[in-house]
């Protein structure tokens, strides 16, 4: 079972990672100024991860595949790690679709 892990970065901003059941990070958020904005980001991931069209598949300059998850307004709400192949990236997208809707929230920002 996946989980969203919320942390505060060195600048005092809130970020979350979506982790798969094995503990691997499958999606990372931007920095949010408030905890409530971070919570809204998590809800947006839950909602938008069900729609394959919200996943923007990309290739980095080094040739590695990665994806962004976008909200309906086109804003990026999460980014993946770099993958060695497109097949691995597609597995990452499938993992986000599987884990995000029911993932628990582990708030480590306190």
PDB file of N, CA and C in Angstrom:
ATOM      1  N   UNK A   1       0.841  -1.184   0.000  1.00  0.00           N
ATOM      2  CA  UNK A   1       0.000   0.000   0.000  1.00  0.00           C
ATOM      3  C   UNK A   1       0.890   1.253   0.000  1.00  0.00           C
ATOM      4  N   UNK A   2       0.574   2.183  -0.879  1.00  0.00           N
ATOM      5  CA  UNK A   2       1.365   3.393  -0.991  1.00  0.00           C
ATOM      6  C   UNK A   2       1.055   4.392   0.111  1.00  0.00           C
ATOM      7  N   UNK A   3       1.933   5.407   0.206  1.00  0.00           N
ATOM      8  CA  UNK A   3       1.680   6.478   1.168  1.00  0.00           C
ATOM      9  C   UNK A   3       2.277   7.784   0.674  1.00  0.00           C
ATOM     10  N   UNK A   4       1.626   8.868   1.071  1.00  0.00           N
ATOM     11  CA  UNK A   4       2.154  10.205   0.840  1.00  0.00           C
ATOM     12  C   UNK A   4       2.940  10.590   2.084  1.00  0.00           C
ATOM     13  N   UNK A   5       4.163  10.999   1.896  1.00  0.00           N
ATOM     14  CA  UNK A   5       5.014  11.418   3.000  1.00  0.00           C
ATOM     15  C   UNK A   5       5.232  12.924   2.874  1.00  0.00           C
ATOM     16  N   UNK A   6       4.795  13.675   3.887  1.00  0.00           N
ATOM     17  CA  UNK A   6       4.937  15.134   3.884  1.00  0.00           C
ATOM     18  C   UNK A   6       6.136  15.507   4.742  1.00  0.00           C
ATOM     19  N   UNK A   7       6.989  16.375   4.188  1.00  0.00           N
ATOM     20  CA  UNK A   7       8.161  16.856   4.934  1.00  0.00           C
ATOM     21  C   UNK A   7       8.320  18.344   4.709  1.00  0.00           C
ATOM     22  N   UNK A   8       9.055  18.980   5.601  1.00  0.00           N
ATOM     23  CA  UNK A   8       9.413  20.385   5.448  1.00  0.00           C
ATOM     24  C   UNK A   8      10.853  20.429   4.957  1.00  0.00           C
ATOM     25  N   UNK A   9      11.113  21.250   3.929  1.00  0.00           N
ATOM     26  CA  UNK A   9      12.488  21.353   3.432  1.00  0.00           C
ATOM     27  C   UNK A   9      13.263  22.411   4.224  1.00  0.00           C
ATOM     28  N   UNK A  10      14.529  22.603   3.862  1.00  0.00           N
ATOM     29  CA  UNK A  10      15.396  23.532   4.610  1.00  0.00           C
ATOM     30  C   UNK A  10      14.870  24.962   4.583  1.00  0.00           C
ATOM     31  N   UNK A  11      14.125  25.307   3.539  1.00  0.00           N
ATOM     32  CA  UNK A  11      13.579  26.661   3.401  1.00  0.00           C
ATOM     33  C   UNK A  11      12.255  26.818   4.148  1.00  0.00           C
ATOM     34  N   UNK A  12      11.800  25.736   4.822  1.00  0.00           N
ATOM     35  CA  UNK A  12      10.548  25.798   5.571  1.00  0.00           C
ATOM     36  C   UNK A  12       9.309  25.560   4.734  1.00  0.00           C
ATOM     37  N   UNK A  13       9.501  25.114   3.497  1.00  0.00           N
ATOM     38  CA  UNK A  13       8.370  24.830   2.619  1.00  0.00           C
ATOM     39  C   UNK A  13       7.982  23.354   2.739  1.00  0.00           C
ATOM     40  N   UNK A  14       6.732  23.081   2.398  1.00  0.00           N
ATOM     41  CA  UNK A  14       6.194  21.724   2.505  1.00  0.00           C
ATOM     42  C   UNK A  14       6.298  21.015   1.156  1.00  0.00           C
ATOM     43  N   UNK A  15       6.685  19.752   1.205  1.00  0.00           N
ATOM     44  CA  UNK A  15       6.778  18.906   0.010  1.00  0.00           C
ATOM     45  C   UNK A  15       6.218  17.531   0.362  1.00  0.00           C
ATOM     46  N   UNK A  16       5.735  16.825  -0.665  1.00  0.00           N
ATOM     47  CA  UNK A  16       5.341  15.437  -0.434  1.00  0.00           C
ATOM     48  C   UNK A  16       5.962  14.531  -1.474  1.00  0.00           C
ATOM     49  N   UNK A  17       6.167  13.298  -1.066  1.00  0.00           N
ATOM     50  CA  UNK A  17       6.558  12.223  -1.972  1.00  0.00           C
ATOM     51  C   UNK A  17       5.483  11.157  -1.889  1.00  0.00           C
ATOM     52  N   UNK A  18       5.115  10.615  -3.033  1.00  0.00           N
ATOM     53  CA  UNK A  18       4.253   9.432  -3.055  1.00  0.00           C
ATOM     54  C   UNK A  18       5.185   8.237  -3.142  1.00  0.00           C
ATOM     55  N   UNK A  19       5.069   7.349  -2.162  1.00  0.00           N
ATOM     56  CA  UNK A  19       5.915   6.154  -2.124  1.00  0.00           C
ATOM     57  C   UNK A  19       5.073   4.915  -2.379  1.00  0.00           C
ATOM     58  N   UNK A  20       5.629   3.993  -3.144  1.00  0.00           N
ATOM     59  CA  UNK A  20       4.977   2.705  -3.382  1.00  0.00           C
ATOM     60  C   UNK A  20       5.086   1.854  -2.123  1.00  0.00           C
ATOM     61  N   UNK A  21       4.412   0.731  -2.132  1.00  0.00           N
ATOM     62  CA  UNK A  21       4.427  -0.176  -0.987  1.00  0.00           C
ATOM     63  C   UNK A  21       5.823  -0.636  -0.591  1.00  0.00           C
ATOM     64  N   UNK A  22       6.750  -0.658  -1.561  1.00  0.00           N
ATOM     65  CA  UNK A  22       8.128  -1.089  -1.274  1.00  0.00           C
ATOM     66  C   UNK A  22       8.995   0.061  -0.756  1.00  0.00           C
ATOM     67  N   UNK A  23       8.403   1.258  -0.595  1.00  0.00           N
ATOM     68  CA  UNK A  23       9.138   2.398  -0.060  1.00  0.00           C
ATOM     69  C   UNK A  23       9.806   3.265  -1.111  1.00  0.00           C
ATOM     70  N   UNK A  24       9.722   2.869  -2.376  1.00  0.00           N
ATOM     71  CA  UNK A  24      10.353   3.642  -3.449  1.00  0.00           C
ATOM     72  C   UNK A  24       9.511   4.876  -3.772  1.00  0.00           C
ATOM     73  N   UNK A  25      10.182   6.024  -3.934  1.00  0.00           N
ATOM     74  CA  UNK A  25       9.491   7.258  -4.313  1.00  0.00           C
ATOM     75  C   UNK A  25       9.073   7.156  -5.776  1.00  0.00           C
ATOM     76  N   UNK A  26       7.770   7.364  -6.044  1.00  0.00           N
ATOM     77  CA  UNK A  26       7.286   7.281  -7.422  1.00  0.00           C
ATOM     78  C   UNK A  26       6.794   8.631  -7.951  1.00  0.00           C
ATOM     79  N   UNK A  27       6.613   9.617  -7.056  1.00  0.00           N
ATOM     80  CA  UNK A  27       6.197  10.957  -7.477  1.00  0.00           C
ATOM     81  C   UNK A  27       6.609  11.951  -6.404  1.00  0.00           C
ATOM     82  N   UNK A  28       7.173  13.088  -6.819  1.00  0.00           N
ATOM     83  CA  UNK A  28       7.594  14.140  -5.887  1.00  0.00           C
ATOM     84  C   UNK A  28       6.897  15.441  -6.244  1.00  0.00           C
ATOM     85  N   UNK A  29       6.525  16.189  -5.224  1.00  0.00           N
ATOM     86  CA  UNK A  29       5.802  17.441  -5.442  1.00  0.00           C
ATOM     87  C   UNK A  29       6.739  18.628  -5.565  1.00  0.00           C
ATOM     88  N   UNK A  30       6.137  19.759  -5.906  1.00  0.00           N
ATOM     89  CA  UNK A  30       6.819  21.046  -5.838  1.00  0.00           C
ATOM     90  C   UNK A  30       6.853  21.471  -4.369  1.00  0.00           C
ATOM     91  N   UNK A  31       7.429  22.627  -4.096  1.00  0.00           N
ATOM     92  CA  UNK A  31       7.441  23.179  -2.739  1.00  0.00           C
ATOM     93  C   UNK A  31       6.183  24.016  -2.537  1.00  0.00           C
ATOM     94  N   UNK A  32       5.530  23.828  -1.411  1.00  0.00           N
ATOM     95  CA  UNK A  32       4.329  24.586  -1.067  1.00  0.00           C
ATOM     96  C   UNK A  32       4.622  25.483   0.129  1.00  0.00           C
ATOM     97  N   UNK A  33       4.031  26.676   0.138  1.00  0.00           N
ATOM     98  CA  UNK A  33       4.248  27.621   1.231  1.00  0.00           C
ATOM     99  C   UNK A  33       3.514  27.234   2.506  1.00  0.00           C
ATOM    100  N   UNK A  34       2.425  26.484   2.371  1.00  0.00           N
ATOM    101  CA  UNK A  34       1.636  26.123   3.561  1.00  0.00           C
ATOM    102  C   UNK A  34       1.287  24.643   3.544  1.00  0.00           C
ATOM    103  N   UNK A  35       0.978  24.140   4.713  1.00  0.00           N
ATOM    104  CA  UNK A  35       0.581  22.737   4.862  1.00  0.00           C
ATOM    105  C   UNK A  35      -0.732  22.489   4.121  1.00  0.00           C
ATOM    106  N   UNK A  36      -1.665  23.455   4.188  1.00  0.00           N
ATOM    107  CA  UNK A  36      -2.954  23.260   3.526  1.00  0.00           C
ATOM    108  C   UNK A  36      -2.786  23.203   2.008  1.00  0.00           C
ATOM    109  N   UNK A  37      -1.873  24.001   1.454  1.00  0.00           N
ATOM    110  CA  UNK A  37      -1.605  23.930   0.012  1.00  0.00           C
ATOM    111  C   UNK A  37      -1.007  22.573  -0.350  1.00  0.00           C
ATOM    112  N   UNK A  38      -0.144  22.048   0.508  1.00  0.00           N
ATOM    113  CA  UNK A  38       0.443  20.723   0.298  1.00  0.00           C
ATOM    114  C   UNK A  38      -0.655  19.653   0.329  1.00  0.00           C
ATOM    115  N   UNK A  39      -1.565  19.761   1.305  1.00  0.00           N
ATOM    116  CA  UNK A  39      -2.697  18.821   1.386  1.00  0.00           C
ATOM    117  C   UNK A  39      -3.543  18.882   0.119  1.00  0.00           C
ATOM    118  N   UNK A  40      -3.771  20.098  -0.394  1.00  0.00           N
ATOM    119  CA  UNK A  40      -4.535  20.247  -1.638  1.00  0.00           C
ATOM    120  C   UNK A  40      -3.804  19.581  -2.802  1.00  0.00           C
ATOM    121  N   UNK A  41      -2.467  19.666  -2.810  1.00  0.00           N
ATOM    122  CA  UNK A  41      -1.672  19.010  -3.844  1.00  0.00           C
ATOM    123  C   UNK A  41      -1.852  17.498  -3.811  1.00  0.00           C
ATOM    124  N   UNK A  42      -1.876  16.943  -2.610  1.00  0.00           N
ATOM    125  CA  UNK A  42      -2.086  15.498  -2.456  1.00  0.00           C
ATOM    126  C   UNK A  42      -3.463  15.106  -2.994  1.00  0.00           C
ATOM    127  N   UNK A  43      -4.494  15.887  -2.654  1.00  0.00           N
ATOM    128  CA  UNK A  43      -5.845  15.588  -3.151  1.00  0.00           C
ATOM    129  C   UNK A  43      -5.895  15.685  -4.673  1.00  0.00           C
ATOM    130  N   UNK A  44      -5.155  16.628  -5.232  1.00  0.00           N
ATOM    131  CA  UNK A  44      -5.098  16.782  -6.683  1.00  0.00           C
ATOM    132  C   UNK A  44      -4.434  15.565  -7.333  1.00  0.00           C
ATOM    133  N   UNK A  45      -3.388  15.035  -6.701  1.00  0.00           N
ATOM    134  CA  UNK A  45      -2.742  13.820  -7.214  1.00  0.00           C
ATOM    135  C   UNK A  45      -3.733  12.662  -7.168  1.00  0.00           C
ATOM    136  N   UNK A  46      -4.441  12.517  -6.052  1.00  0.00           N
ATOM    137  CA  UNK A  46      -5.440  11.435  -5.941  1.00  0.00           C
ATOM    138  C   UNK A  46      -6.445  11.505  -7.090  1.00  0.00           C
ATOM    139  N   UNK A  47      -6.959  12.706  -7.341  1.00  0.00           N
ATOM    140  CA  UNK A  47      -7.999  12.907  -8.340  1.00  0.00           C
ATOM    141  C   UNK A  47      -7.458  12.737  -9.765  1.00  0.00           C
ATOM    142  N   UNK A  48      -6.328  13.367 -10.065  1.00  0.00           N
ATOM    143  CA  UNK A  48      -5.832  13.396 -11.438  1.00  0.00           C
ATOM    144  C   UNK A  48      -5.097  12.133 -11.863  1.00  0.00           C
ATOM    145  N   UNK A  49      -4.634  11.332 -10.907  1.00  0.00           N
ATOM    146  CA  UNK A  49      -3.887  10.116 -11.267  1.00  0.00           C
ATOM    147  C   UNK A  49      -4.764   9.072 -11.950  1.00  0.00           C
ATOM    148  N   UNK A  50      -6.081   9.222 -11.858  1.00  0.00           N
ATOM    149  CA  UNK A  50      -6.988   8.270 -12.507  1.00  0.00           C
ATOM    150  C   UNK A  50      -7.084   8.514 -14.011  1.00  0.00           C
ATOM    151  N   UNK A  51      -6.635   9.684 -14.474  1.00  0.00           N
ATOM    152  CA  UNK A  51      -6.775  10.070 -15.875  1.00  0.00           C
ATOM    153  C   UNK A  51      -5.419   9.983 -16.587  1.00  0.00           C
ATOM    154  N   UNK A  52      -5.283   9.020 -17.474  1.00  0.00           N
ATOM    155  CA  UNK A  52      -4.000   8.824 -18.163  1.00  0.00           C
ATOM    156  C   UNK A  52      -3.559  10.072 -18.930  1.00  0.00           C
ATOM    157  N   UNK A  53      -4.517  10.863 -19.401  1.00  0.00           N
ATOM    158  CA  UNK A  53      -4.185  12.067 -20.166  1.00  0.00           C
ATOM    159  C   UNK A  53      -3.475  13.116 -19.311  1.00  0.00           C
ATOM    160  N   UNK A  54      -3.549  12.987 -17.996  1.00  0.00           N
ATOM    161  CA  UNK A  54      -2.897  13.947 -17.093  1.00  0.00           C
ATOM    162  C   UNK A  54      -1.401  13.646 -16.927  1.00  0.00           C
ATOM    163  N   UNK A  55      -0.956  12.487 -17.423  1.00  0.00           N
ATOM    164  CA  UNK A  55       0.462  12.137 -17.329  1.00  0.00           C
ATOM    165  C   UNK A  55       1.183  12.609 -18.581  1.00  0.00           C
ATOM    166  N   UNK A  56       2.146  13.503 -18.391  1.00  0.00           N
ATOM    167  CA  UNK A  56       2.940  14.021 -19.494  1.00  0.00           C
ATOM    168  C   UNK A  56       4.251  13.230 -19.532  1.00  0.00           C
ATOM    169  N   UNK A  57       4.402  12.447 -20.585  1.00  0.00           N
ATOM    170  CA  UNK A  57       5.591  11.607 -20.735  1.00  0.00           C
ATOM    171  C   UNK A  57       6.677  12.421 -21.433  1.00  0.00           C
ATOM    172  N   UNK A  58       7.881  12.415 -20.851  1.00  0.00           N
ATOM    173  CA  UNK A  58       8.948  13.267 -21.365  1.00  0.00           C
ATOM    174  C   UNK A  58      10.264  12.501 -21.440  1.00  0.00           C
ATOM    175  N   UNK A  59      11.226  13.063 -22.175  1.00  0.00           N
ATOM    176  CA  UNK A  59      12.573  12.516 -22.235  1.00  0.00           C
ATOM    177  C   UNK A  59      13.547  13.634 -21.888  1.00  0.00           C
ATOM    178  N   UNK A  60      14.425  13.368 -20.933  1.00  0.00           N
ATOM    179  CA  UNK A  60      15.419  14.355 -20.500  1.00  0.00           C
ATOM    180  C   UNK A  60      16.540  14.455 -21.531  1.00  0.00           C
ATOM    181  N   UNK A  61      17.362  15.488 -21.406  1.00  0.00           N
ATOM    182  CA  UNK A  61      18.483  15.692 -22.331  1.00  0.00           C
ATOM    183  C   UNK A  61      19.438  14.508 -22.337  1.00  0.00           C
ATOM    184  N   UNK A  62      19.526  13.807 -21.207  1.00  0.00           N
ATOM    185  CA  UNK A  62      20.426  12.647 -21.124  1.00  0.00           C
ATOM    186  C   UNK A  62      19.784  11.375 -21.678  1.00  0.00           C
ATOM    187  N   UNK A  63      18.574  11.497 -22.236  1.00  0.00           N
ATOM    188  CA  UNK A  63      17.911  10.356 -22.857  1.00  0.00           C
ATOM    189  C   UNK A  63      17.040   9.547 -21.922  1.00  0.00           C
ATOM    190  N   UNK A  64      17.036   9.883 -20.630  1.00  0.00           N
ATOM    191  CA  UNK A  64      16.224   9.130 -19.679  1.00  0.00           C
ATOM    192  C   UNK A  64      14.765   9.592 -19.732  1.00  0.00           C
ATOM    193  N   UNK A  65      13.878   8.652 -19.507  1.00  0.00           N
ATOM    194  CA  UNK A  65      12.441   8.932 -19.533  1.00  0.00           C
ATOM    195  C   UNK A  65      11.972   9.362 -18.146  1.00  0.00           C
ATOM    196  N   UNK A  66      10.993  10.264 -18.122  1.00  0.00           N
ATOM    197  CA  UNK A  66      10.346  10.661 -16.870  1.00  0.00           C
ATOM    198  C   UNK A  66       8.953  11.181 -17.194  1.00  0.00           C
ATOM    199  N   UNK A  67       8.160  11.437 -16.160  1.00  0.00           N
ATOM    200  CA  UNK A  67       6.817  11.970 -16.395  1.00  0.00           C
ATOM    201  C   UNK A  67       6.470  13.021 -15.354  1.00  0.00           C
ATOM    202  N   UNK A  68       5.541  13.884 -15.766  1.00  0.00           N
ATOM    203  CA  UNK A  68       4.926  14.846 -14.864  1.00  0.00           C
ATOM    204  C   UNK A  68       3.443  14.513 -14.785  1.00  0.00           C
ATOM    205  N   UNK A  69       2.865  14.692 -13.617  1.00  0.00           N
ATOM    206  CA  UNK A  69       1.419  14.586 -13.454  1.00  0.00           C
ATOM    207  C   UNK A  69       0.886  16.001 -13.388  1.00  0.00           C
ATOM    208  N   UNK A  70      -0.079  16.303 -14.246  1.00  0.00           N
ATOM    209  CA  UNK A  70      -0.611  17.661 -14.320  1.00  0.00           C
ATOM    210  C   UNK A  70      -2.066  17.704 -13.865  1.00  0.00           C
ATOM    211  N   UNK A  71      -2.436  18.845 -13.299  1.00  0.00           N
ATOM    212  CA  UNK A  71      -3.826  19.090 -12.928  1.00  0.00           C
ATOM    213  C   UNK A  71      -4.600  19.500 -14.180  1.00  0.00           C
ATOM    214  N   UNK A  72      -5.910  19.628 -14.042  1.00  0.00           N
ATOM    215  CA  UNK A  72      -6.757  20.006 -15.173  1.00  0.00           C
ATOM    216  C   UNK A  72      -6.350  21.353 -15.766  1.00  0.00           C
ATOM    217  N   UNK A  73      -5.799  22.241 -14.937  1.00  0.00           N
ATOM    218  CA  UNK A  73      -5.389  23.565 -15.414  1.00  0.00           C
ATOM    219  C   UNK A  73      -4.002  23.551 -16.072  1.00  0.00           C
ATOM    220  N   UNK A  74      -3.382  22.372 -16.156  1.00  0.00           N
ATOM    221  CA  UNK A  74      -2.087  22.245 -16.807  1.00  0.00           C
ATOM    222  C   UNK A  74      -0.893  22.411 -15.882  1.00  0.00           C
ATOM    223  N   UNK A  75      -1.153  22.746 -14.621  1.00  0.00           N
ATOM    224  CA  UNK A  75      -0.053  22.919 -13.662  1.00  0.00           C
ATOM    225  C   UNK A  75       0.508  21.559 -13.246  1.00  0.00           C
ATOM    226  N   UNK A  76       1.848  21.458 -13.183  1.00  0.00           N
ATOM    227  CA  UNK A  76       2.492  20.222 -12.746  1.00  0.00           C
ATOM    228  C   UNK A  76       2.289  20.069 -11.234  1.00  0.00           C
ATOM    229  N   UNK A  77       1.752  18.924 -10.822  1.00  0.00           N
ATOM    230  CA  UNK A  77       1.546  18.674  -9.388  1.00  0.00           C
ATOM    231  C   UNK A  77       2.499  17.618  -8.853  1.00  0.00           C
ATOM    232  N   UNK A  78       3.191  16.929  -9.742  1.00  0.00           N
ATOM    233  CA  UNK A  78       4.171  15.948  -9.304  1.00  0.00           C
ATOM    234  C   UNK A  78       5.060  15.530 -10.456  1.00  0.00           C
ATOM    235  N   UNK A  79       6.302  15.187 -10.116  1.00  0.00           N
ATOM    236  CA  UNK A  79       7.264  14.745 -11.121  1.00  0.00           C
ATOM    237  C   UNK A  79       7.871  13.423 -10.675  1.00  0.00           C
ATOM    238  N   UNK A  80       8.211  12.606 -11.648  1.00  0.00           N
ATOM    239  CA  UNK A  80       8.807  11.297 -11.346  1.00  0.00           C
ATOM    240  C   UNK A  80      10.316  11.402 -11.276  1.00  0.00           C
ATOM    241  N   UNK A  81      10.917  10.302 -10.929  1.00  0.00           N
ATOM    242  CA  UNK A  81      12.366  10.144 -11.024  1.00  0.00           C
ATOM    243  C   UNK A  81      12.710   9.925 -12.498  1.00  0.00           C
ATOM    244  N   UNK A  82      13.978   9.807 -12.796  1.00  0.00           N
ATOM    245  CA  UNK A  82      14.421   9.468 -14.151  1.00  0.00           C
ATOM    246  C   UNK A  82      14.448   7.939 -14.280  1.00  0.00           C
ATOM    247  N   UNK A  83      13.968   7.471 -15.418  1.00  0.00           N
ATOM    248  CA  UNK A  83      13.931   6.032 -15.689  1.00  0.00           C
ATOM    249  C   UNK A  83      14.867   5.688 -16.835  1.00  0.00           C
ATOM    250  N   UNK A  84      15.444   4.497 -16.798  1.00  0.00           N
ATOM    251  CA  UNK A  84      16.375   4.049 -17.836  1.00  0.00           C
ATOM    252  C   UNK A  84      15.663   3.757 -19.150  1.00  0.00           C
ATOM    253  N   UNK A  85      14.370   3.429 -19.089  1.00  0.00           N
ATOM    254  CA  UNK A  85      13.641   3.078 -20.311  1.00  0.00           C
ATOM    255  C   UNK A  85      12.203   3.587 -20.237  1.00  0.00           C
ATOM    256  N   UNK A  86      11.569   3.659 -21.414  1.00  0.00           N
ATOM    257  CA  UNK A  86      10.163   4.059 -21.456  1.00  0.00           C
ATOM    258  C   UNK A  86       9.291   3.027 -20.756  1.00  0.00           C
ATOM    259  N   UNK A  87       9.654   1.759 -20.862  1.00  0.00           N
ATOM    260  CA  UNK A  87       8.875   0.706 -20.205  1.00  0.00           C
ATOM    261  C   UNK A  87       8.894   0.895 -18.684  1.00  0.00           C
ATOM    262  N   UNK A  88      10.065   1.237 -18.152  1.00  0.00           N
ATOM    263  CA  UNK A  88      10.169   1.487 -16.707  1.00  0.00           C
ATOM    264  C   UNK A  88       9.324   2.694 -16.313  1.00  0.00           C
ATOM    265  N   UNK A  89       9.337   3.722 -17.143  1.00  0.00           N
ATOM    266  CA  UNK A  89       8.520   4.905 -16.880  1.00  0.00           C
ATOM    267  C   UNK A  89       7.039   4.540 -16.866  1.00  0.00           C
ATOM    268  N   UNK A  90       6.605   3.729 -17.822  1.00  0.00           N
ATOM    269  CA  UNK A  90       5.190   3.314 -17.865  1.00  0.00           C
ATOM    270  C   UNK A  90       4.822   2.526 -16.611  1.00  0.00           C
ATOM    271  N   UNK A  91       5.763   1.712 -16.108  1.00  0.00           N
ATOM    272  CA  UNK A  91       5.526   1.005 -14.846  1.00  0.00           C
ATOM    273  C   UNK A  91       5.372   1.997 -13.697  1.00  0.00           C
ATOM    274  N   UNK A  92       6.172   3.081 -13.730  1.00  0.00           N
ATOM    275  CA  UNK A  92       6.062   4.124 -12.712  1.00  0.00           C
ATOM    276  C   UNK A  92       4.711   4.798 -12.751  1.00  0.00           C
ATOM    277  N   UNK A  93       4.220   5.095 -13.948  1.00  0.00           N
ATOM    278  CA  UNK A  93       2.888   5.701 -14.100  1.00  0.00           C
ATOM    279  C   UNK A  93       1.818   4.755 -13.569  1.00  0.00           C
ATOM    280  N   UNK A  94       1.926   3.481 -13.918  1.00  0.00           N
ATOM    281  CA  UNK A  94       0.961   2.485 -13.420  1.00  0.00           C
ATOM    282  C   UNK A  94       0.983   2.426 -11.897  1.00  0.00           C
ATOM    283  N   UNK A  95       2.170   2.556 -11.323  1.00  0.00           N
ATOM    284  CA  UNK A  95       2.309   2.524  -9.868  1.00  0.00           C
ATOM    285  C   UNK A  95       1.632   3.733  -9.222  1.00  0.00           C
ATOM    286  N   UNK A  96       1.778   4.911  -9.836  1.00  0.00           N
ATOM    287  CA  UNK A  96       1.093   6.101  -9.314  1.00  0.00           C
ATOM    288  C   UNK A  96      -0.422   5.894  -9.383  1.00  0.00           C
ATOM    289  N   UNK A  97      -0.908   5.388 -10.514  1.00  0.00           N
ATOM    290  CA  UNK A  97      -2.350   5.146 -10.679  1.00  0.00           C
ATOM    291  C   UNK A  97      -2.858   4.168  -9.634  1.00  0.00           C
ATOM    292  N   UNK A  98      -2.052   3.149  -9.342  1.00  0.00           N
ATOM    293  CA  UNK A  98      -2.418   2.129  -8.352  1.00  0.00           C
ATOM    294  C   UNK A  98      -2.400   2.648  -6.930  1.00  0.00           C
ATOM    295  N   UNK A  99      -1.337   3.376  -6.593  1.00  0.00           N
ATOM    296  CA  UNK A  99      -1.089   3.747  -5.199  1.00  0.00           C
ATOM    297  C   UNK A  99      -1.776   5.030  -4.744  1.00  0.00           C
ATOM    298  N   UNK A 100      -1.864   6.027  -5.615  1.00  0.00           N
ATOM    299  CA  UNK A 100      -2.329   7.351  -5.184  1.00  0.00           C
ATOM    300  C   UNK A 100      -3.746   7.387  -4.612  1.00  0.00           C
ATOM    301  N   UNK A 101      -4.734   6.733  -5.237  1.00  0.00           N
ATOM    302  CA  UNK A 101      -6.111   6.923  -4.754  1.00  0.00           C
ATOM    303  C   UNK A 101      -6.330   6.540  -3.287  1.00  0.00           C
ATOM    304  N   UNK A 102      -5.691   5.502  -2.813  1.00  0.00           N
ATOM    305  CA  UNK A 102      -5.931   5.012  -1.452  1.00  0.00           C
ATOM    306  C   UNK A 102      -4.730   5.173  -0.528  1.00  0.00           C
ATOM    307  N   UNK A 103      -3.730   5.910  -0.960  1.00  0.00           N
ATOM    308  CA  UNK A 103      -2.504   6.038  -0.163  1.00  0.00           C
ATOM    309  C   UNK A 103      -2.790   6.773   1.147  1.00  0.00           C
ATOM    310  N   UNK A 104      -2.173   6.300   2.207  1.00  0.00           N
ATOM    311  CA  UNK A 104      -2.285   6.976   3.498  1.00  0.00           C
ATOM    312  C   UNK A 104      -1.379   8.209   3.485  1.00  0.00           C
ATOM    313  N   UNK A 105      -1.522   9.059   4.489  1.00  0.00           N
ATOM    314  CA  UNK A 105      -0.682  10.250   4.599  1.00  0.00           C
ATOM    315  C   UNK A 105       0.158  10.144   5.867  1.00  0.00           C
ATOM    316  N   UNK A 106       1.470  10.245   5.692  1.00  0.00           N
ATOM    317  CA  UNK A 106       2.421  10.211   6.794  1.00  0.00           C
ATOM    318  C   UNK A 106       3.033  11.611   6.895  1.00  0.00           C
ATOM    319  N   UNK A 107       2.541  12.398   7.844  1.00  0.00           N
ATOM    320  CA  UNK A 107       2.978  13.790   7.982  1.00  0.00           C
ATOM    321  C   UNK A 107       4.201  13.840   8.900  1.00  0.00           C
ATOM    322  N   UNK A 108       5.355  14.115   8.303  1.00  0.00           N
ATOM    323  CA  UNK A 108       6.602  14.211   9.068  1.00  0.00           C
ATOM    324  C   UNK A 108       7.080  15.657   9.148  1.00  0.00           C
ATOM    325  N   UNK A 109       6.173  16.603   8.905  1.00  0.00           N
ATOM    326  CA  UNK A 109       6.557  18.018   8.830  1.00  0.00           C
ATOM    327  C   UNK A 109       6.575  18.704  10.187  1.00  0.00           C
ATOM    328  N   UNK A 110       6.094  18.030  11.201  1.00  0.00           N
ATOM    329  CA  UNK A 110       6.026  18.649  12.542  1.00  0.00           C
ATOM    330  C   UNK A 110       7.375  18.727  13.193  1.00  0.00           C
TER     331      UNK A 110
END
